[in-house]
Amino acid sequence: MKRSKIFAAVTLLAVVALAAATFLDAPEAGSNASSAEDAARTNAAGAKATSVEDAAPPEVGKTAPDFTLQGTDGKEYTLSDLRGQYVVLEWLNFGCPYVDKHYGSGHMQKLQKKYTDKGVKWLSIVSSAPGKQGYHPPEKMNAMNEKKGGNQTAILMDPSGEVGKTYGAKTTPHMYVINSEGTLIYRGGIDDKPTTDEADIKGATNYVDQALTAAMDGKEVPVEKARPYGCSVKYASK
């Protein structure tokens, strides 16, 4: 009887420890949808967790990691060269229904124009690997973006996924806002409505808009981190 009680107690402690570890290690991530079918399941069941190997997201309040990437316009873009200006990083995959929600409605393009007109540098980053959903040669990316009426500063290609993993980018879209001093002031989802329904945009709180408005007015950013949602970034290892 004593041995049975001891075994039961040890088993219970192991289960509790495992549950605690799972909770502590849970990523700050939204859905990991990779198709319209996955998106439908996510809408019905809520956001699903995902993760990025070998990377922890950069800390809000710290200097954003520097990088240099080639744009689809043939130019090189280095983040530190943009010091003195606000920067938005948007992880992009035109094949993702969550991205289509924001581009199909024209919402993303309007937000891009609103802030690029104010001098903000808006960089859309494609970390899809060649052969994966969302990857296209630069000329095709430009044609697709032109058709959608994109107003970003540039589209940057990250086929190795190195920059995406450095930033802990998990979904498309996944948004980061960097202030004029090079400090990360927001990371996470574009808003608080993790669906593919364009109708949800109207009543959503747009965290990127909120962060830029507050910071550029010299105020504290009300929400610095939020759960990202969308399709998983199609890294080479995925």
C-alpha atoms as a PDB file:
ATOM      1  CA  MET A   1       0.000   0.000   0.000  1.00  0.00           C
ATOM      2  CA  LYS A   2       2.828   2.405   0.908  1.00  0.00           C
ATOM      3  CA  ARG A   3       4.575   1.754  -2.406  1.00  0.00           C
ATOM      4  CA  SER A   4       1.321   2.410  -4.299  1.00  0.00           C
ATOM      5  CA  LYS A   5       0.828   5.730  -2.514  1.00  0.00           C
ATOM      6  CA  ILE A   6       4.432   6.798  -3.158  1.00  0.00           C
ATOM      7  CA  PHE A   7       4.164   5.848  -6.852  1.00  0.00           C
ATOM      8  CA  ALA A   8       0.884   7.771  -7.184  1.00  0.00           C
ATOM      9  CA  ALA A   9       2.401  10.855  -5.532  1.00  0.00           C
ATOM     10  CA  VAL A  10       5.475  10.782  -7.771  1.00  0.00           C
ATOM     11  CA  THR A  11       3.292  10.370 -10.863  1.00  0.00           C
ATOM     12  CA  LEU A  12       1.107  13.322  -9.818  1.00  0.00           C
ATOM     13  CA  LEU A  13       4.165  15.530  -9.256  1.00  0.00           C
ATOM     14  CA  ALA A  14       5.534  14.611 -12.696  1.00  0.00           C
ATOM     15  CA  VAL A  15       2.233  15.498 -14.376  1.00  0.00           C
ATOM     16  CA  VAL A  16       2.078  18.849 -12.546  1.00  0.00           C
ATOM     17  CA  ALA A  17       5.694  19.653 -13.503  1.00  0.00           C
ATOM     18  CA  LEU A  18       5.050  18.786 -17.149  1.00  0.00           C
ATOM     19  CA  ALA A  19       1.935  20.957 -17.237  1.00  0.00           C
ATOM     20  CA  ALA A  20       3.821  23.872 -15.698  1.00  0.00           C
ATOM     21  CA  ALA A  21       6.650  23.533 -18.206  1.00  0.00           C
ATOM     22  CA  THR A  22       4.191  23.433 -21.093  1.00  0.00           C
ATOM     23  CA  PHE A  23       2.514  26.615 -19.865  1.00  0.00           C
ATOM     24  CA  LEU A  24       5.784  28.458 -19.320  1.00  0.00           C
ATOM     25  CA  ASP A  25       7.123  27.473 -22.741  1.00  0.00           C
ATOM     26  CA  ALA A  26       3.925  28.308 -24.631  1.00  0.00           C
ATOM     27  CA  PRO A  27       4.811  30.696 -27.482  1.00  0.00           C
ATOM     28  CA  GLU A  28       3.255  34.123 -27.792  1.00  0.00           C
ATOM     29  CA  ALA A  29       1.696  33.173 -31.098  1.00  0.00           C
ATOM     30  CA  GLY A  30      -1.582  33.027 -32.899  1.00  0.00           C
ATOM     31  CA  SER A  31      -2.773  30.663 -35.585  1.00  0.00           C
ATOM     32  CA  ASN A  32      -0.500  28.442 -37.610  1.00  0.00           C
ATOM     33  CA  ALA A  33      -2.844  28.204 -40.608  1.00  0.00           C
ATOM     34  CA  SER A  34      -1.258  27.154 -43.880  1.00  0.00           C
ATOM     35  CA  SER A  35      -4.319  27.067 -46.132  1.00  0.00           C
ATOM     36  CA  ALA A  36      -7.895  28.270 -46.458  1.00  0.00           C
ATOM     37  CA  GLU A  37      -8.994  25.031 -44.770  1.00  0.00           C
ATOM     38  CA  ASP A  38      -6.684  25.681 -41.812  1.00  0.00           C
ATOM     39  CA  ALA A  39      -7.941  29.251 -41.677  1.00  0.00           C
ATOM     40  CA  ALA A  40     -11.533  28.047 -41.462  1.00  0.00           C
ATOM     41  CA  ARG A  41     -10.631  25.705 -38.611  1.00  0.00           C
ATOM     42  CA  THR A  42      -8.825  28.524 -36.822  1.00  0.00           C
ATOM     43  CA  ASN A  43     -11.806  30.857 -37.174  1.00  0.00           C
ATOM     44  CA  ALA A  44     -14.032  28.204 -35.641  1.00  0.00           C
ATOM     45  CA  ALA A  45     -11.699  27.080 -32.869  1.00  0.00           C
ATOM     46  CA  GLY A  46      -9.684  30.205 -32.080  1.00  0.00           C
ATOM     47  CA  ALA A  47      -5.983  30.978 -32.490  1.00  0.00           C
ATOM     48  CA  LYS A  48      -3.573  28.042 -32.613  1.00  0.00           C
ATOM     49  CA  ALA A  49      -0.040  28.121 -31.253  1.00  0.00           C
ATOM     50  CA  THR A  50       3.020  27.964 -33.462  1.00  0.00           C
ATOM     51  CA  SER A  51       6.737  28.476 -32.924  1.00  0.00           C
ATOM     52  CA  VAL A  52       9.941  29.391 -34.719  1.00  0.00           C
ATOM     53  CA  GLU A  53      13.027  27.277 -34.166  1.00  0.00           C
ATOM     54  CA  ASP A  54      16.206  28.670 -32.671  1.00  0.00           C
ATOM     55  CA  ALA A  55      14.792  32.128 -32.085  1.00  0.00           C
ATOM     56  CA  ALA A  56      13.221  34.230 -29.379  1.00  0.00           C
ATOM     57  CA  PRO A  57      11.386  37.382 -30.408  1.00  0.00           C
ATOM     58  CA  PRO A  58      13.287  40.642 -29.837  1.00  0.00           C
ATOM     59  CA  GLU A  59      12.310  42.487 -26.690  1.00  0.00           C
ATOM     60  CA  VAL A  60      10.086  45.526 -26.855  1.00  0.00           C
ATOM     61  CA  GLY A  61      12.040  48.495 -25.512  1.00  0.00           C
ATOM     62  CA  LYS A  62      15.332  47.171 -26.904  1.00  0.00           C
ATOM     63  CA  THR A  63      17.129  48.044 -30.139  1.00  0.00           C
ATOM     64  CA  ALA A  64      15.596  46.156 -33.063  1.00  0.00           C
ATOM     65  CA  PRO A  65      18.019  43.636 -34.617  1.00  0.00           C
ATOM     66  CA  ASP A  66      19.821  45.074 -37.625  1.00  0.00           C
ATOM     67  CA  PHE A  67      19.642  43.403 -41.019  1.00  0.00           C
ATOM     68  CA  THR A  68      20.318  43.966 -44.694  1.00  0.00           C
ATOM     69  CA  LEU A  69      17.992  42.519 -47.343  1.00  0.00           C
ATOM     70  CA  GLN A  70      17.556  42.866 -51.078  1.00  0.00           C
ATOM     71  CA  GLY A  71      14.370  44.566 -52.209  1.00  0.00           C
ATOM     72  CA  THR A  72      12.301  43.493 -55.192  1.00  0.00           C
ATOM     73  CA  ASP A  73      13.247  46.892 -56.634  1.00  0.00           C
ATOM     74  CA  GLY A  74      16.890  45.747 -56.830  1.00  0.00           C
ATOM     75  CA  LYS A  75      18.050  47.946 -53.945  1.00  0.00           C
ATOM     76  CA  GLU A  76      19.595  46.858 -50.649  1.00  0.00           C
ATOM     77  CA  TYR A  77      17.905  47.953 -47.438  1.00  0.00           C
ATOM     78  CA  THR A  78      19.713  48.076 -44.094  1.00  0.00           C
ATOM     79  CA  LEU A  79      17.581  48.751 -41.039  1.00  0.00           C
ATOM     80  CA  SER A  80      20.202  50.847 -39.234  1.00  0.00           C
ATOM     81  CA  ASP A  81      20.405  53.158 -42.269  1.00  0.00           C
ATOM     82  CA  LEU A  82      16.821  54.170 -41.528  1.00  0.00           C
ATOM     83  CA  ARG A  83      17.647  55.499 -38.061  1.00  0.00           C
ATOM     84  CA  GLY A  84      15.820  58.778 -37.489  1.00  0.00           C
ATOM     85  CA  GLN A  85      12.643  57.465 -39.113  1.00  0.00           C
ATOM     86  CA  TYR A  86       9.861  55.213 -37.890  1.00  0.00           C
ATOM     87  CA  VAL A  87       9.843  51.773 -39.494  1.00  0.00           C
ATOM     88  CA  VAL A  88       7.127  49.145 -39.833  1.00  0.00           C
ATOM     89  CA  LEU A  89       8.063  45.543 -40.615  1.00  0.00           C
ATOM     90  CA  GLU A  90       5.238  43.465 -42.087  1.00  0.00           C
ATOM     91  CA  TRP A  91       5.717  39.744 -42.780  1.00  0.00           C
ATOM     92  CA  LEU A  92       4.003  39.049 -46.093  1.00  0.00           C
ATOM     93  CA  ASN A  93       2.605  36.081 -48.033  1.00  0.00           C
ATOM     94  CA  PHE A  94       0.138  36.957 -50.793  1.00  0.00           C
ATOM     95  CA  GLY A  95      -1.110  33.340 -50.794  1.00  0.00           C
ATOM     96  CA  CYS A  96      -2.354  33.544 -47.204  1.00  0.00           C
ATOM     97  CA  PRO A  97      -6.090  34.134 -46.559  1.00  0.00           C
ATOM     98  CA  TYR A  98      -5.287  36.254 -43.498  1.00  0.00           C
ATOM     99  CA  VAL A  99      -3.119  38.529 -45.627  1.00  0.00           C
ATOM    100  CA  ASP A 100      -5.843  38.592 -48.257  1.00  0.00           C
ATOM    101  CA  LYS A 101      -8.277  39.809 -45.592  1.00  0.00           C
ATOM    102  CA  HIS A 102      -6.241  42.998 -45.202  1.00  0.00           C
ATOM    103  CA  TYR A 103      -5.166  43.476 -48.832  1.00  0.00           C
ATOM    104  CA  GLY A 104      -8.450  42.350 -50.386  1.00  0.00           C
ATOM    105  CA  SER A 105     -10.306  44.938 -48.330  1.00  0.00           C
ATOM    106  CA  GLY A 106      -7.760  47.636 -49.181  1.00  0.00           C
ATOM    107  CA  HIS A 107      -7.155  48.133 -45.472  1.00  0.00           C
ATOM    108  CA  MET A 108      -3.439  47.352 -45.490  1.00  0.00           C
ATOM    109  CA  GLN A 109      -2.788  49.630 -48.452  1.00  0.00           C
ATOM    110  CA  LYS A 110      -4.615  52.524 -46.748  1.00  0.00           C
ATOM    111  CA  LEU A 111      -2.614  52.022 -43.562  1.00  0.00           C
ATOM    112  CA  GLN A 112       0.624  51.899 -45.549  1.00  0.00           C
ATOM    113  CA  LYS A 113      -0.217  55.127 -47.361  1.00  0.00           C
ATOM    114  CA  LYS A 114      -1.331  56.888 -44.181  1.00  0.00           C
ATOM    115  CA  TYR A 115       2.065  56.389 -42.592  1.00  0.00           C
ATOM    116  CA  THR A 116       4.433  56.455 -45.565  1.00  0.00           C
ATOM    117  CA  ASP A 117       2.913  59.876 -46.309  1.00  0.00           C
ATOM    118  CA  LYS A 118       4.146  60.837 -42.826  1.00  0.00           C
ATOM    119  CA  GLY A 119       7.679  59.621 -43.551  1.00  0.00           C
ATOM    120  CA  VAL A 120       7.388  56.143 -42.043  1.00  0.00           C
ATOM    121  CA  LYS A 121       9.366  53.428 -43.849  1.00  0.00           C
ATOM    122  CA  TRP A 122       7.126  50.419 -44.361  1.00  0.00           C
ATOM    123  CA  LEU A 123       9.030  47.247 -45.237  1.00  0.00           C
ATOM    124  CA  SER A 124       7.106  44.124 -46.245  1.00  0.00           C
ATOM    125  CA  ILE A 125       9.285  41.045 -45.756  1.00  0.00           C
ATOM    126  CA  VAL A 126       8.834  37.724 -47.559  1.00  0.00           C
ATOM    127  CA  SER A 127      10.517  34.918 -45.599  1.00  0.00           C
ATOM    128  CA  SER A 128       8.921  32.115 -47.618  1.00  0.00           C
ATOM    129  CA  ALA A 129      11.587  29.771 -48.981  1.00  0.00           C
ATOM    130  CA  PRO A 130      11.838  29.097 -52.742  1.00  0.00           C
ATOM    131  CA  GLY A 131       9.255  26.464 -53.654  1.00  0.00           C
ATOM    132  CA  LYS A 132       7.081  27.329 -50.659  1.00  0.00           C
ATOM    133  CA  GLN A 133       3.779  29.186 -50.621  1.00  0.00           C
ATOM    134  CA  GLY A 134       4.284  32.933 -50.778  1.00  0.00           C
ATOM    135  CA  TYR A 135       7.662  32.875 -52.521  1.00  0.00           C
ATOM    136  CA  HIS A 136       7.822  34.415 -55.992  1.00  0.00           C
ATOM    137  CA  PRO A 137      10.695  35.905 -58.008  1.00  0.00           C
ATOM    138  CA  PRO A 138      11.058  39.681 -57.488  1.00  0.00           C
ATOM    139  CA  GLU A 139       9.436  40.625 -60.797  1.00  0.00           C
ATOM    140  CA  LYS A 140       6.341  38.537 -60.004  1.00  0.00           C
ATOM    141  CA  MET A 141       6.171  39.933 -56.467  1.00  0.00           C
ATOM    142  CA  ASN A 142       6.213  43.433 -57.953  1.00  0.00           C
ATOM    143  CA  ALA A 143       3.447  42.564 -60.410  1.00  0.00           C
ATOM    144  CA  MET A 144       1.286  41.053 -57.671  1.00  0.00           C
ATOM    145  CA  ASN A 145       1.864  44.009 -55.393  1.00  0.00           C
ATOM    146  CA  GLU A 146       1.052  46.480 -58.150  1.00  0.00           C
ATOM    147  CA  LYS A 147      -2.197  44.646 -58.865  1.00  0.00           C
ATOM    148  CA  LYS A 148      -3.115  44.855 -55.185  1.00  0.00           C
ATOM    149  CA  GLY A 149      -2.153  48.520 -54.976  1.00  0.00           C
ATOM    150  CA  GLY A 150       0.483  48.111 -52.271  1.00  0.00           C
ATOM    151  CA  ASN A 151       1.836  51.344 -50.797  1.00  0.00           C
ATOM    152  CA  GLN A 152       4.763  50.012 -48.774  1.00  0.00           C
ATOM    153  CA  THR A 153       8.234  51.516 -49.095  1.00  0.00           C
ATOM    154  CA  ALA A 154       9.677  48.227 -50.331  1.00  0.00           C
ATOM    155  CA  ILE A 155       9.194  44.476 -50.442  1.00  0.00           C
ATOM    156  CA  LEU A 156      12.255  42.662 -49.104  1.00  0.00           C
ATOM    157  CA  MET A 157      13.204  39.079 -49.912  1.00  0.00           C
ATOM    158  CA  ASP A 158      14.406  36.824 -47.081  1.00  0.00           C
ATOM    159  CA  PRO A 159      14.511  33.387 -48.775  1.00  0.00           C
ATOM    160  CA  SER A 160      16.892  31.929 -46.177  1.00  0.00           C
ATOM    161  CA  GLY A 161      14.480  32.934 -43.416  1.00  0.00           C
ATOM    162  CA  GLU A 162      17.371  34.310 -41.372  1.00  0.00           C
ATOM    163  CA  VAL A 163      15.792  37.700 -40.693  1.00  0.00           C
ATOM    164  CA  GLY A 164      12.379  36.196 -40.035  1.00  0.00           C
ATOM    165  CA  LYS A 165      13.792  33.792 -37.477  1.00  0.00           C
ATOM    166  CA  THR A 166      15.890  36.537 -35.874  1.00  0.00           C
ATOM    167  CA  TYR A 167      12.682  38.482 -35.302  1.00  0.00           C
ATOM    168  CA  GLY A 168      10.712  35.401 -34.279  1.00  0.00           C
ATOM    169  CA  ALA A 169       8.225  36.054 -37.086  1.00  0.00           C
ATOM    170  CA  LYS A 170       5.619  33.318 -36.869  1.00  0.00           C
ATOM    171  CA  THR A 171       2.703  34.352 -39.022  1.00  0.00           C
ATOM    172  CA  THR A 172       1.663  36.360 -42.045  1.00  0.00           C
ATOM    173  CA  PRO A 173       0.947  39.035 -41.250  1.00  0.00           C
ATOM    174  CA  HIS A 174       3.249  39.543 -38.242  1.00  0.00           C
ATOM    175  CA  MET A 175       3.922  43.184 -37.440  1.00  0.00           C
ATOM    176  CA  TYR A 176       6.769  45.111 -35.800  1.00  0.00           C
ATOM    177  CA  VAL A 177       6.978  48.860 -35.171  1.00  0.00           C
ATOM    178  CA  ILE A 178      10.355  50.535 -34.612  1.00  0.00           C
ATOM    179  CA  ASN A 179      10.736  54.140 -33.493  1.00  0.00           C
ATOM    180  CA  SER A 180      13.116  56.776 -34.854  1.00  0.00           C
ATOM    181  CA  GLU A 181      15.789  55.753 -32.329  1.00  0.00           C
ATOM    182  CA  GLY A 182      15.784  52.177 -33.606  1.00  0.00           C
ATOM    183  CA  THR A 183      13.876  50.817 -30.610  1.00  0.00           C
ATOM    184  CA  LEU A 184      11.211  48.165 -31.032  1.00  0.00           C
ATOM    185  CA  ILE A 185       7.972  49.609 -29.636  1.00  0.00           C
ATOM    186  CA  TYR A 186       5.435  47.030 -30.816  1.00  0.00           C
ATOM    187  CA  ARG A 187       5.372  43.419 -31.989  1.00  0.00           C
ATOM    188  CA  GLY A 188       2.481  41.083 -32.686  1.00  0.00           C
ATOM    189  CA  GLY A 189      -0.757  40.862 -34.617  1.00  0.00           C
ATOM    190  CA  ILE A 190      -2.031  43.677 -36.764  1.00  0.00           C
ATOM    191  CA  ASP A 191      -5.261  43.803 -34.769  1.00  0.00           C
ATOM    192  CA  ASP A 192      -7.410  41.977 -32.231  1.00  0.00           C
ATOM    193  CA  LYS A 193      -9.650  40.078 -34.668  1.00  0.00           C
ATOM    194  CA  PRO A 194      -7.913  36.782 -35.588  1.00  0.00           C
ATOM    195  CA  THR A 195     -10.169  35.865 -38.514  1.00  0.00           C
ATOM    196  CA  THR A 196     -10.120  35.923 -42.310  1.00  0.00           C
ATOM    197  CA  ASP A 197     -13.385  37.885 -42.471  1.00  0.00           C
ATOM    198  CA  GLU A 198     -12.990  41.373 -43.955  1.00  0.00           C
ATOM    199  CA  ALA A 199     -16.129  42.459 -42.088  1.00  0.00           C
ATOM    200  CA  ASP A 200     -14.219  42.137 -38.797  1.00  0.00           C
ATOM    201  CA  ILE A 201     -11.773  44.899 -39.730  1.00  0.00           C
ATOM    202  CA  LYS A 202     -14.254  47.694 -39.034  1.00  0.00           C
ATOM    203  CA  GLY A 203     -14.657  46.880 -35.340  1.00  0.00           C
ATOM    204  CA  ALA A 204     -11.049  45.850 -34.726  1.00  0.00           C
ATOM    205  CA  THR A 205      -8.409  47.657 -32.706  1.00  0.00           C
ATOM    206  CA  ASN A 206      -5.477  48.077 -35.079  1.00  0.00           C
ATOM    207  CA  TYR A 207      -2.375  47.793 -32.912  1.00  0.00           C
ATOM    208  CA  VAL A 208       0.016  49.110 -35.574  1.00  0.00           C
ATOM    209  CA  ASP A 209      -2.060  52.240 -36.154  1.00  0.00           C
ATOM    210  CA  GLN A 210      -2.438  52.666 -32.407  1.00  0.00           C
ATOM    211  CA  ALA A 211       1.299  52.290 -31.723  1.00  0.00           C
ATOM    212  CA  LEU A 212       2.370  54.700 -34.462  1.00  0.00           C
ATOM    213  CA  THR A 213      -0.230  57.321 -33.540  1.00  0.00           C
ATOM    214  CA  ALA A 214       0.749  57.270 -29.872  1.00  0.00           C
ATOM    215  CA  ALA A 215       4.522  57.195 -30.387  1.00  0.00           C
ATOM    216  CA  MET A 216       4.539  59.917 -33.032  1.00  0.00           C
ATOM    217  CA  ASP A 217       2.484  62.097 -30.686  1.00  0.00           C
ATOM    218  CA  GLY A 218       5.039  61.561 -27.913  1.00  0.00           C
ATOM    219  CA  LYS A 219       2.743  59.301 -25.892  1.00  0.00           C
ATOM    220  CA  GLU A 220       3.195  55.820 -24.479  1.00  0.00           C
ATOM    221  CA  VAL A 221       2.200  52.944 -26.735  1.00  0.00           C
ATOM    222  CA  PRO A 222      -0.940  51.471 -25.125  1.00  0.00           C
ATOM    223  CA  VAL A 223      -0.347  47.888 -26.318  1.00  0.00           C
ATOM    224  CA  GLU A 224       3.285  46.876 -26.861  1.00  0.00           C
ATOM    225  CA  LYS A 225       2.776  43.159 -27.514  1.00  0.00           C
ATOM    226  CA  ALA A 226      -0.147  41.183 -28.883  1.00  0.00           C
ATOM    227  CA  ARG A 227      -0.701  37.676 -30.130  1.00  0.00           C
ATOM    228  CA  PRO A 228       0.041  37.397 -33.865  1.00  0.00           C
ATOM    229  CA  TYR A 229      -2.348  35.500 -36.083  1.00  0.00           C
ATOM    230  CA  GLY A 230      -2.269  34.256 -39.654  1.00  0.00           C
ATOM    231  CA  CYS A 231      -0.649  31.567 -41.780  1.00  0.00           C
ATOM    232  CA  SER A 232       2.643  30.149 -40.557  1.00  0.00           C
ATOM    233  CA  VAL A 233       5.706  31.686 -42.193  1.00  0.00           C
ATOM    234  CA  LYS A 234       6.843  29.167 -44.804  1.00  0.00           C
ATOM    235  CA  TYR A 235      10.472  28.784 -43.771  1.00  0.00           C
ATOM    236  CA  ALA A 236      12.725  26.307 -45.561  1.00  0.00           C
ATOM    237  CA  SER A 237      12.540  23.945 -42.581  1.00  0.00           C
ATOM    238  CA  LYS A 238       8.719  23.957 -42.499  1.00  0.00           C
END
